Protein backbone atom coordinates (compact mmCIF):
# COMPACT_ATOMS: atom_id res chain seq x y z
CA TYR A 1 13.59 -8.51 -23.89
CA PRO A 2 10.33 -8.12 -25.63
CA GLY A 3 8.10 -5.32 -24.24
CA VAL A 4 10.99 -3.44 -22.74
CA GLU A 5 9.91 -0.27 -24.50
CA ALA A 6 6.74 -0.34 -22.30
CA THR A 7 8.77 -0.29 -18.99
CA ASP A 8 9.34 2.74 -16.63
CA LEU A 9 12.97 2.13 -16.83
CA PHE A 10 12.95 2.53 -20.70
CA ARG A 11 10.88 5.67 -20.43
CA ARG A 12 13.28 7.17 -17.85
CA MET A 13 16.19 6.35 -20.07
CA GLY A 14 14.73 8.22 -22.86
CA THR A 15 13.93 11.19 -20.80
CA VAL A 16 17.60 11.34 -19.56
CA ILE A 17 18.89 11.14 -22.96
CA ARG A 18 16.59 13.83 -24.27
CA SER A 19 16.89 16.26 -21.35
CA GLY A 20 20.22 15.62 -19.92
CA ALA A 21 18.81 15.52 -16.44
CA ARG A 22 20.14 13.01 -14.13
CA ASP A 23 17.75 10.39 -12.64
CA ALA A 24 18.06 8.18 -9.65
CA PHE A 25 15.59 5.66 -8.49
CA GLU A 26 15.07 2.09 -7.23
CA ASN A 27 13.85 -0.57 -9.71
CA ARG A 28 12.47 -4.00 -8.84
CA PHE A 29 13.71 -6.81 -11.12
CA GLU A 30 12.15 -10.18 -11.36
CA TYR A 31 14.36 -13.04 -12.47
CA PRO A 32 13.14 -15.84 -14.71
CA ASP A 33 12.99 -18.10 -11.46
CA GLY A 34 10.71 -15.83 -9.85
CA SER A 35 13.13 -14.29 -7.37
CA VAL A 36 13.11 -10.49 -7.02
CA ALA A 37 16.08 -8.13 -6.40
CA VAL A 38 15.97 -4.30 -6.11
CA PHE A 39 18.59 -2.11 -7.75
CA GLU A 40 19.36 1.57 -7.19
CA LEU A 41 19.94 2.98 -10.62
CA VAL A 42 21.55 6.24 -11.59
CA LEU A 43 21.04 7.44 -15.18
CA GLN A 44 23.10 10.24 -16.54
CA ARG A 45 23.83 11.48 -20.14
CA GLN A 46 27.32 12.36 -21.10
CA VAL A 47 29.17 13.39 -24.20
CA HIS A 48 32.41 11.55 -25.13
CA GLY A 49 34.31 12.35 -28.28
CA GLY A 50 31.27 14.06 -29.79
CA ARG A 51 29.00 11.25 -29.03
CA THR A 52 26.12 11.17 -26.51
CA VAL A 53 26.14 8.17 -24.23
CA LEU A 54 23.85 7.02 -21.53
CA VAL A 55 25.78 6.00 -18.26
CA ILE A 56 23.93 3.74 -16.01
CA VAL A 57 25.30 2.86 -12.50
CA SER A 58 23.49 -0.03 -10.85
CA ARG A 59 23.74 -1.05 -7.32
CA ASP A 60 22.00 -3.93 -5.53
CA VAL A 61 20.04 -2.72 -2.60
CA THR A 62 17.76 -5.72 -2.08
CA GLN A 63 18.88 -6.26 1.63
CA ARG A 64 18.67 -2.66 2.48
CA VAL A 65 14.93 -2.49 1.00
CA ARG A 66 14.07 -5.85 2.99
CA THR A 67 15.40 -4.37 6.12
CA ARG A 68 13.49 -1.21 5.67
CA GLU A 69 10.32 -2.95 4.80
CA GLU A 70 10.72 -5.15 7.95
CA LEU A 71 11.26 -2.07 10.17
CA VAL A 72 8.04 -0.51 8.84
CA ARG A 73 6.18 -3.79 9.37
CA ARG A 74 7.49 -4.06 12.98
CA THR A 75 6.81 -0.40 13.72
CA SER A 76 3.23 -0.91 12.45
CA LEU A 77 2.67 -3.96 14.66
CA GLU A 78 3.98 -2.20 17.76
CA ALA A 79 1.57 0.70 17.06
CA CYS A 80 -1.22 -1.78 16.79
CA ALA A 81 -0.31 -3.58 19.94
CA ARG A 82 -0.07 -0.29 21.93
CA GLN A 83 -3.38 0.88 20.50
CA ALA A 84 -4.94 -2.47 21.47
CA GLY A 85 -3.57 -2.19 24.96
CA THR A 86 -4.99 1.24 25.39
CA VAL A 87 -8.45 0.13 24.30
CA ALA A 88 -8.22 -2.83 26.54
CA HIS A 89 -7.23 -0.64 29.49
CA ASP A 90 -10.02 1.73 28.78
CA LEU A 91 -12.52 -1.08 28.78
CA ASN A 92 -11.33 -2.36 32.15
């Protein structure tokens, strides 16, 4: 992938390899067709047979993220509706 060196994921991989610290985060990935998925990634450096390796565990959390974003949106809309109701009541 051209330009992969400039990505946050690549930077984080280098940090884990150098420091040995474990890193876990969500990463949005856009497929060539334009669809987007969200993956939870865990990066960890390990030594096997005298060789340092980077272990990456990836889990698709797209649905969980969409559900969370929808809940935040609905909560915001409900708060706006309550506020509008309060203002309308005060004006009457």
